[in-house]
Amino acid sequence: MGTTYRNVEADVGFVPCPKYDSDQERYYAPTWAAEMMVILKTLPEERIDNVSIILEALSFAGHQDVIPIYREVMMKGKYARDVESEEMFDIVLDSMCFDFGLIAWEGQVANLIIESIYASGEGNVMSTFAKLENQINGVINDLIEALEAEE
């Protein structure tokens, strides 16, 4: 966001992804374009434990130290324009969830679904999933085969 939108006159706010129905107890906000930390196959085996420990420590430190400051100072202190936006931002952050398929297959599956349903303007969710089912299952099966080949 930076300073680009800070001086915009229009009122904007944060809203969580809607609940499926009134029976859903909490909100779920899937992350999008999240980065995944991986350990390269070419990493020498004697360094795997050390690198894994460092990655875990950095992730923990970011979760404990960086995210709270980002949340309170940046999002609530600089970007939110009212108390309601601050409360909505809390709901969004507290409802974040990670979907491996959404993150790992963003280009192969997620973007295809979004383009087919939303960008096309048709909005036919069920018929789109039926049409893409074999292609999506093929991507999943490719991963399963690759993982089984590594065993």
N, C-alpha and C. Protein backbone atom coordinates (compact mmCIF):
# COMPACT_ATOMS: atom_id res chain seq x y z
N MET A 1 0.83 -1.19 0.00
CA MET A 1 0.00 0.00 0.00
C MET A 1 0.86 1.24 0.00
N GLY A 2 1.79 1.30 0.94
CA GLY A 2 2.70 2.42 0.99
C GLY A 2 1.99 3.75 1.01
N THR A 3 2.65 4.74 0.48
CA THR A 3 2.07 6.08 0.47
C THR A 3 1.16 6.30 -0.72
N THR A 4 1.12 5.36 -1.66
CA THR A 4 0.32 5.53 -2.87
C THR A 4 -1.15 5.78 -2.56
N TYR A 5 -1.73 5.03 -1.63
CA TYR A 5 -3.15 5.14 -1.36
C TYR A 5 -3.48 5.87 -0.06
N ARG A 6 -2.48 6.28 0.67
CA ARG A 6 -2.73 6.90 1.96
C ARG A 6 -3.53 8.19 1.86
N ASN A 7 -3.36 8.94 0.79
CA ASN A 7 -4.04 10.22 0.64
C ASN A 7 -5.31 10.15 -0.21
N VAL A 8 -5.77 8.96 -0.53
CA VAL A 8 -6.98 8.81 -1.33
C VAL A 8 -8.17 9.29 -0.51
N GLU A 9 -9.06 10.00 -1.15
CA GLU A 9 -10.22 10.56 -0.47
C GLU A 9 -11.33 9.53 -0.23
N ALA A 10 -11.40 8.50 -1.05
CA ALA A 10 -12.48 7.51 -0.95
C ALA A 10 -12.35 6.70 0.34
N ASP A 11 -13.48 6.38 0.94
CA ASP A 11 -13.47 5.53 2.12
C ASP A 11 -13.39 4.07 1.69
N VAL A 12 -12.41 3.37 2.20
CA VAL A 12 -12.25 1.94 1.93
C VAL A 12 -12.06 1.25 3.26
N GLY A 13 -12.29 -0.03 3.27
CA GLY A 13 -12.11 -0.78 4.50
C GLY A 13 -11.75 -2.22 4.20
N PHE A 14 -11.65 -3.01 5.23
CA PHE A 14 -11.32 -4.42 5.11
C PHE A 14 -12.57 -5.24 5.39
N VAL A 15 -12.76 -6.29 4.63
CA VAL A 15 -13.86 -7.22 4.89
C VAL A 15 -13.34 -8.64 4.75
N PRO A 16 -13.80 -9.54 5.60
CA PRO A 16 -13.37 -10.93 5.47
C PRO A 16 -14.12 -11.62 4.34
N CYS A 17 -13.60 -12.75 3.90
CA CYS A 17 -14.35 -13.57 2.95
C CYS A 17 -15.66 -13.96 3.63
N PRO A 18 -16.76 -13.98 2.90
CA PRO A 18 -18.05 -14.29 3.55
C PRO A 18 -18.10 -15.73 4.04
N LYS A 19 -18.93 -15.95 5.04
CA LYS A 19 -19.16 -17.30 5.53
C LYS A 19 -20.02 -18.04 4.51
N TYR A 20 -19.88 -19.36 4.48
CA TYR A 20 -20.66 -20.18 3.55
C TYR A 20 -22.15 -20.06 3.86
N ASP A 21 -22.47 -20.16 5.15
CA ASP A 21 -23.85 -19.99 5.59
C ASP A 21 -23.84 -19.62 7.08
N SER A 22 -25.01 -19.46 7.67
CA SER A 22 -25.09 -19.02 9.06
C SER A 22 -24.61 -20.08 10.05
N ASP A 23 -24.48 -21.32 9.60
CA ASP A 23 -24.00 -22.39 10.48
C ASP A 23 -22.48 -22.38 10.65
N GLN A 24 -21.78 -21.71 9.75
CA GLN A 24 -20.32 -21.64 9.84
C GLN A 24 -19.95 -20.78 11.03
N GLU A 25 -19.15 -21.34 11.94
CA GLU A 25 -18.84 -20.66 13.20
C GLU A 25 -17.84 -19.52 13.04
N ARG A 26 -16.89 -19.66 12.16
CA ARG A 26 -15.86 -18.63 12.03
C ARG A 26 -15.60 -18.34 10.56
N TYR A 27 -14.89 -17.27 10.32
CA TYR A 27 -14.51 -16.92 8.96
C TYR A 27 -13.25 -17.69 8.57
N TYR A 28 -13.08 -17.91 7.27
CA TYR A 28 -11.87 -18.50 6.73
C TYR A 28 -11.40 -17.59 5.60
N ALA A 29 -10.17 -17.12 5.71
CA ALA A 29 -9.60 -16.25 4.69
C ALA A 29 -8.40 -16.95 4.08
N PRO A 30 -8.58 -17.57 2.92
CA PRO A 30 -7.45 -18.26 2.31
C PRO A 30 -6.37 -17.28 1.88
N THR A 31 -5.14 -17.68 2.12
CA THR A 31 -4.03 -16.84 1.67
C THR A 31 -3.88 -17.00 0.17
N TRP A 32 -3.33 -16.02 -0.44
CA TRP A 32 -3.16 -16.06 -1.89
C TRP A 32 -1.76 -15.59 -2.21
N ALA A 33 -1.12 -16.29 -3.09
CA ALA A 33 0.24 -15.95 -3.53
C ALA A 33 1.22 -15.95 -2.36
N ALA A 34 0.98 -16.84 -1.40
CA ALA A 34 1.90 -16.96 -0.28
C ALA A 34 3.18 -17.65 -0.74
N GLU A 35 4.23 -17.35 -0.11
CA GLU A 35 5.49 -17.99 -0.44
C GLU A 35 5.65 -19.26 0.37
N MET A 36 6.22 -20.26 -0.24
CA MET A 36 6.48 -21.50 0.47
C MET A 36 7.99 -21.65 0.60
N MET A 37 8.43 -22.04 1.79
CA MET A 37 9.84 -22.30 1.97
C MET A 37 10.07 -23.78 1.67
N VAL A 38 11.03 -24.03 0.86
CA VAL A 38 11.37 -25.41 0.52
C VAL A 38 12.87 -25.59 0.66
N ILE A 39 13.25 -26.81 0.83
CA ILE A 39 14.67 -27.14 0.89
C ILE A 39 15.02 -27.79 -0.43
N LEU A 40 15.96 -27.23 -1.12
CA LEU A 40 16.32 -27.71 -2.44
C LEU A 40 16.85 -29.14 -2.40
N LYS A 41 16.51 -29.88 -3.41
CA LYS A 41 16.97 -31.26 -3.53
C LYS A 41 18.49 -31.31 -3.65
N THR A 42 19.09 -30.25 -4.15
CA THR A 42 20.54 -30.22 -4.36
C THR A 42 21.31 -29.86 -3.08
N LEU A 43 20.61 -29.53 -2.01
CA LEU A 43 21.29 -29.21 -0.76
C LEU A 43 21.99 -30.45 -0.23
N PRO A 44 23.27 -30.34 0.12
CA PRO A 44 23.97 -31.51 0.64
C PRO A 44 23.27 -32.06 1.89
N GLU A 45 23.18 -33.36 1.96
CA GLU A 45 22.43 -34.01 3.04
C GLU A 45 22.92 -33.60 4.44
N GLU A 46 24.21 -33.38 4.58
CA GLU A 46 24.74 -33.02 5.90
C GLU A 46 24.32 -31.61 6.34
N ARG A 47 23.76 -30.80 5.43
CA ARG A 47 23.32 -29.45 5.78
C ARG A 47 21.81 -29.35 5.99
N ILE A 48 21.06 -30.39 5.67
CA ILE A 48 19.60 -30.33 5.72
C ILE A 48 19.10 -29.98 7.12
N ASP A 49 19.61 -30.63 8.15
CA ASP A 49 19.15 -30.34 9.51
C ASP A 49 19.43 -28.89 9.89
N ASN A 50 20.62 -28.40 9.59
CA ASN A 50 21.00 -27.04 9.94
C ASN A 50 20.12 -26.03 9.22
N VAL A 51 19.94 -26.21 7.91
CA VAL A 51 19.12 -25.29 7.13
C VAL A 51 17.66 -25.34 7.61
N SER A 52 17.17 -26.53 7.92
CA SER A 52 15.79 -26.68 8.41
C SER A 52 15.60 -25.93 9.72
N ILE A 53 16.55 -26.04 10.62
CA ILE A 53 16.47 -25.34 11.91
C ILE A 53 16.44 -23.83 11.70
N ILE A 54 17.29 -23.34 10.81
CA ILE A 54 17.34 -21.90 10.54
C ILE A 54 16.02 -21.41 9.93
N LEU A 55 15.48 -22.15 8.97
CA LEU A 55 14.21 -21.76 8.35
C LEU A 55 13.08 -21.74 9.38
N GLU A 56 13.04 -22.74 10.23
CA GLU A 56 12.01 -22.80 11.27
C GLU A 56 12.16 -21.63 12.24
N ALA A 57 13.40 -21.32 12.63
CA ALA A 57 13.63 -20.22 13.56
C ALA A 57 13.22 -18.88 12.93
N LEU A 58 13.54 -18.68 11.66
CA LEU A 58 13.16 -17.45 10.98
C LEU A 58 11.64 -17.33 10.86
N SER A 59 10.99 -18.43 10.56
CA SER A 59 9.52 -18.42 10.47
C SER A 59 8.91 -18.09 11.83
N PHE A 60 9.41 -18.70 12.87
CA PHE A 60 8.89 -18.45 14.21
C PHE A 60 9.11 -16.99 14.61
N ALA A 61 10.31 -16.48 14.36
CA ALA A 61 10.62 -15.09 14.71
C ALA A 61 9.72 -14.12 13.94
N GLY A 62 9.49 -14.41 12.68
CA GLY A 62 8.61 -13.56 11.89
C GLY A 62 7.19 -13.57 12.44
N HIS A 63 6.75 -14.74 12.83
CA HIS A 63 5.39 -14.86 13.39
C HIS A 63 5.28 -14.14 14.73
N GLN A 64 6.30 -14.24 15.56
CA GLN A 64 6.28 -13.64 16.89
C GLN A 64 6.59 -12.15 16.90
N ASP A 65 7.50 -11.72 16.01
CA ASP A 65 8.00 -10.35 16.08
C ASP A 65 7.50 -9.44 14.94
N VAL A 66 7.50 -9.94 13.73
CA VAL A 66 7.19 -9.09 12.59
C VAL A 66 5.68 -8.91 12.41
N ILE A 67 4.94 -10.00 12.42
CA ILE A 67 3.50 -9.92 12.16
C ILE A 67 2.78 -9.01 13.16
N PRO A 68 3.03 -9.13 14.48
CA PRO A 68 2.33 -8.22 15.40
C PRO A 68 2.62 -6.74 15.13
N ILE A 69 3.84 -6.42 14.78
CA ILE A 69 4.18 -5.02 14.48
C ILE A 69 3.50 -4.58 13.19
N TYR A 70 3.55 -5.43 12.19
CA TYR A 70 2.87 -5.12 10.92
C TYR A 70 1.38 -4.89 11.16
N ARG A 71 0.81 -5.76 11.96
CA ARG A 71 -0.63 -5.68 12.23
C ARG A 71 -1.00 -4.40 12.97
N GLU A 72 -0.31 -4.12 14.05
CA GLU A 72 -0.67 -2.99 14.91
C GLU A 72 -0.18 -1.64 14.37
N VAL A 73 1.07 -1.60 13.91
CA VAL A 73 1.64 -0.32 13.49
C VAL A 73 1.22 0.05 12.07
N MET A 74 1.42 -0.89 11.15
CA MET A 74 1.15 -0.56 9.74
C MET A 74 -0.34 -0.59 9.42
N MET A 75 -0.95 -1.75 9.62
CA MET A 75 -2.33 -1.90 9.17
C MET A 75 -3.32 -1.09 10.02
N LYS A 76 -3.18 -1.17 11.33
CA LYS A 76 -4.12 -0.43 12.18
C LYS A 76 -3.71 1.02 12.36
N GLY A 77 -2.41 1.25 12.50
CA GLY A 77 -1.95 2.61 12.78
C GLY A 77 -1.88 3.52 11.58
N LYS A 78 -1.48 2.97 10.42
CA LYS A 78 -1.28 3.83 9.26
C LYS A 78 -2.34 3.68 8.18
N TYR A 79 -2.87 2.49 7.99
CA TYR A 79 -3.76 2.27 6.86
C TYR A 79 -5.24 2.28 7.21
N ALA A 80 -5.61 1.75 8.36
CA ALA A 80 -7.02 1.73 8.74
C ALA A 80 -7.46 3.16 9.07
N ARG A 81 -8.64 3.49 8.61
CA ARG A 81 -9.12 4.86 8.82
C ARG A 81 -10.15 4.98 9.92
N ASP A 82 -10.59 3.84 10.46
CA ASP A 82 -11.58 3.89 11.52
C ASP A 82 -11.51 2.60 12.34
N VAL A 83 -12.19 2.60 13.47
CA VAL A 83 -12.18 1.45 14.38
C VAL A 83 -12.78 0.23 13.72
N GLU A 84 -13.82 0.42 12.92
CA GLU A 84 -14.46 -0.72 12.25
C GLU A 84 -13.46 -1.42 11.31
N SER A 85 -12.65 -0.67 10.60
CA SER A 85 -11.64 -1.27 9.73
C SER A 85 -10.60 -2.04 10.54
N GLU A 86 -10.23 -1.50 11.69
CA GLU A 86 -9.29 -2.19 12.56
C GLU A 86 -9.87 -3.53 13.02
N GLU A 87 -11.14 -3.53 13.38
CA GLU A 87 -11.80 -4.77 13.83
C GLU A 87 -11.89 -5.77 12.68
N MET A 88 -12.22 -5.30 11.49
CA MET A 88 -12.31 -6.20 10.33
C MET A 88 -10.95 -6.78 10.00
N PHE A 89 -9.91 -5.97 10.14
CA PHE A 89 -8.57 -6.47 9.86
C PHE A 89 -8.21 -7.59 10.84
N ASP A 90 -8.60 -7.44 12.10
CA ASP A 90 -8.38 -8.51 13.08
C ASP A 90 -9.09 -9.79 12.65
N ILE A 91 -10.33 -9.67 12.19
CA ILE A 91 -11.08 -10.85 11.74
C ILE A 91 -10.37 -11.51 10.57
N VAL A 92 -9.92 -10.72 9.61
CA VAL A 92 -9.25 -11.27 8.44
C VAL A 92 -7.97 -11.99 8.85
N LEU A 93 -7.13 -11.36 9.66
CA LEU A 93 -5.87 -12.00 10.06
C LEU A 93 -6.11 -13.23 10.93
N ASP A 94 -7.12 -13.18 11.80
CA ASP A 94 -7.38 -14.31 12.67
C ASP A 94 -8.03 -15.48 11.93
N SER A 95 -8.48 -15.26 10.72
CA SER A 95 -9.15 -16.32 9.98
C SER A 95 -8.31 -16.84 8.81
N MET A 96 -7.05 -16.41 8.74
CA MET A 96 -6.21 -16.87 7.65
C MET A 96 -6.02 -18.38 7.68
N CYS A 97 -6.07 -18.98 6.52
CA CYS A 97 -5.80 -20.41 6.40
C CYS A 97 -4.95 -20.63 5.15
N PHE A 98 -4.24 -21.71 5.15
CA PHE A 98 -3.34 -22.02 4.05
C PHE A 98 -3.82 -23.27 3.33
N ASP A 99 -4.01 -23.16 2.06
CA ASP A 99 -4.45 -24.28 1.23
C ASP A 99 -3.30 -24.64 0.31
N PHE A 100 -2.73 -25.81 0.53
CA PHE A 100 -1.57 -26.23 -0.26
C PHE A 100 -1.88 -26.15 -1.75
N GLY A 101 -3.04 -26.62 -2.14
CA GLY A 101 -3.41 -26.61 -3.55
C GLY A 101 -3.47 -25.21 -4.12
N LEU A 102 -3.99 -24.29 -3.35
CA LEU A 102 -4.11 -22.91 -3.81
C LEU A 102 -2.74 -22.26 -3.97
N ILE A 103 -1.84 -22.59 -3.06
CA ILE A 103 -0.51 -21.99 -3.10
C ILE A 103 0.39 -22.68 -4.13
N ALA A 104 0.43 -24.01 -4.08
CA ALA A 104 1.35 -24.75 -4.95
C ALA A 104 0.89 -24.78 -6.41
N TRP A 105 -0.42 -24.78 -6.62
CA TRP A 105 -0.94 -24.88 -7.98
C TRP A 105 -1.65 -23.61 -8.41
N GLU A 106 -1.15 -22.48 -7.97
CA GLU A 106 -1.80 -21.22 -8.32
C GLU A 106 -1.94 -21.07 -9.83
N GLY A 107 -0.87 -21.28 -10.56
CA GLY A 107 -0.91 -21.10 -12.00
C GLY A 107 -1.65 -22.21 -12.73
N GLN A 108 -1.50 -23.45 -12.27
CA GLN A 108 -2.08 -24.58 -12.97
C GLN A 108 -3.55 -24.82 -12.67
N VAL A 109 -3.99 -24.45 -11.47
CA VAL A 109 -5.36 -24.76 -11.08
C VAL A 109 -6.13 -23.51 -10.65
N ALA A 110 -5.65 -22.82 -9.64
CA ALA A 110 -6.40 -21.71 -9.06
C ALA A 110 -6.71 -20.62 -10.07
N ASN A 111 -5.70 -20.17 -10.81
CA ASN A 111 -5.93 -19.11 -11.80
C ASN A 111 -6.89 -19.57 -12.89
N LEU A 112 -6.79 -20.83 -13.27
CA LEU A 112 -7.69 -21.39 -14.28
C LEU A 112 -9.14 -21.34 -13.81
N ILE A 113 -9.35 -21.69 -12.55
CA ILE A 113 -10.71 -21.66 -11.99
C ILE A 113 -11.22 -20.22 -11.94
N ILE A 114 -10.39 -19.32 -11.47
CA ILE A 114 -10.81 -17.91 -11.38
C ILE A 114 -11.12 -17.34 -12.76
N GLU A 115 -10.25 -17.62 -13.72
CA GLU A 115 -10.50 -17.13 -15.08
C GLU A 115 -11.80 -17.70 -15.64
N SER A 116 -12.03 -18.98 -15.39
CA SER A 116 -13.21 -19.65 -15.96
C SER A 116 -14.51 -19.20 -15.29
N ILE A 117 -14.46 -18.94 -13.99
CA ILE A 117 -15.69 -18.59 -13.28
C ILE A 117 -15.91 -17.09 -13.24
N TYR A 118 -14.93 -16.35 -12.77
CA TYR A 118 -15.14 -14.93 -12.50
C TYR A 118 -14.76 -14.02 -13.66
N ALA A 119 -13.56 -14.21 -14.19
CA ALA A 119 -13.10 -13.32 -15.25
C ALA A 119 -13.95 -13.45 -16.51
N SER A 120 -14.49 -14.63 -16.74
CA SER A 120 -15.33 -14.83 -17.92
C SER A 120 -16.67 -14.10 -17.79
N GLY A 121 -17.04 -13.80 -16.54
CA GLY A 121 -18.31 -13.13 -16.29
C GLY A 121 -19.49 -14.08 -16.26
N GLU A 122 -19.24 -15.37 -16.46
CA GLU A 122 -20.33 -16.34 -16.50
C GLU A 122 -20.78 -16.74 -15.10
N GLY A 123 -19.82 -16.95 -14.18
CA GLY A 123 -20.16 -17.29 -12.81
C GLY A 123 -20.76 -18.67 -12.62
N ASN A 124 -20.57 -19.56 -13.56
CA ASN A 124 -21.13 -20.91 -13.46
C ASN A 124 -20.15 -21.82 -12.71
N VAL A 125 -20.25 -21.84 -11.39
CA VAL A 125 -19.28 -22.55 -10.56
C VAL A 125 -19.33 -24.05 -10.80
N MET A 126 -20.48 -24.66 -10.66
CA MET A 126 -20.57 -26.12 -10.75
C MET A 126 -20.22 -26.63 -12.14
N SER A 127 -20.71 -26.00 -13.18
CA SER A 127 -20.40 -26.48 -14.53
C SER A 127 -18.92 -26.27 -14.85
N THR A 128 -18.32 -25.21 -14.30
CA THR A 128 -16.89 -24.98 -14.51
C THR A 128 -16.08 -26.07 -13.83
N PHE A 129 -16.42 -26.42 -12.60
CA PHE A 129 -15.69 -27.49 -11.91
C PHE A 129 -15.86 -28.82 -12.64
N ALA A 130 -17.05 -29.09 -13.13
CA ALA A 130 -17.26 -30.33 -13.88
C ALA A 130 -16.40 -30.36 -15.14
N LYS A 131 -16.30 -29.22 -15.82
CA LYS A 131 -15.52 -29.13 -17.05
C LYS A 131 -14.02 -29.27 -16.76
N LEU A 132 -13.55 -28.75 -15.62
CA LEU A 132 -12.12 -28.75 -15.29
C LEU A 132 -11.69 -29.96 -14.46
N GLU A 133 -12.63 -30.78 -14.04
CA GLU A 133 -12.33 -31.87 -13.10
C GLU A 133 -11.19 -32.77 -13.58
N ASN A 134 -11.23 -33.25 -14.81
CA ASN A 134 -10.18 -34.15 -15.30
C ASN A 134 -8.82 -33.46 -15.34
N GLN A 135 -8.80 -32.20 -15.75
CA GLN A 135 -7.54 -31.45 -15.81
C GLN A 135 -6.96 -31.26 -14.41
N ILE A 136 -7.79 -30.90 -13.46
CA ILE A 136 -7.33 -30.69 -12.08
C ILE A 136 -6.86 -32.01 -11.47
N ASN A 137 -7.62 -33.08 -11.68
CA ASN A 137 -7.20 -34.39 -11.17
C ASN A 137 -5.89 -34.83 -11.80
N GLY A 138 -5.66 -34.47 -13.06
CA GLY A 138 -4.40 -34.79 -13.71
C GLY A 138 -3.21 -34.11 -13.03
N VAL A 139 -3.40 -32.85 -12.65
CA VAL A 139 -2.34 -32.11 -11.96
C VAL A 139 -2.05 -32.77 -10.59
N ILE A 140 -3.10 -33.14 -9.89
CA ILE A 140 -2.93 -33.80 -8.59
C ILE A 140 -2.23 -35.15 -8.76
N ASN A 141 -2.65 -35.92 -9.74
CA ASN A 141 -2.03 -37.23 -9.99
C ASN A 141 -0.56 -37.09 -10.38
N ASP A 142 -0.22 -36.05 -11.13
CA ASP A 142 1.18 -35.81 -11.49
C ASP A 142 2.03 -35.61 -10.23
N LEU A 143 1.49 -34.87 -9.26
CA LEU A 143 2.22 -34.65 -8.01
C LEU A 143 2.36 -35.96 -7.24
N ILE A 144 1.30 -36.72 -7.17
CA ILE A 144 1.35 -38.00 -6.44
C ILE A 144 2.40 -38.91 -7.06
N GLU A 145 2.41 -38.99 -8.38
CA GLU A 145 3.40 -39.84 -9.06
C GLU A 145 4.81 -39.34 -8.80
N ALA A 146 5.01 -38.04 -8.82
CA ALA A 146 6.35 -37.49 -8.57
C ALA A 146 6.81 -37.79 -7.14
N LEU A 147 5.89 -37.68 -6.18
CA LEU A 147 6.23 -37.98 -4.79
C LEU A 147 6.51 -39.46 -4.59
N GLU A 148 5.73 -40.31 -5.22
CA GLU A 148 5.96 -41.75 -5.10
C GLU A 148 7.26 -42.16 -5.74
N ALA A 149 7.66 -41.48 -6.79
CA ALA A 149 8.93 -41.78 -7.46
C ALA A 149 10.12 -41.43 -6.58
N GLU A 150 9.93 -40.50 -5.64
CA GLU A 150 11.01 -40.07 -4.74
C GLU A 150 11.21 -41.03 -3.58
N GLU A 151 10.23 -41.89 -3.31
CA GLU A 151 10.33 -42.79 -2.15
C GLU A 151 11.40 -43.83 -2.33
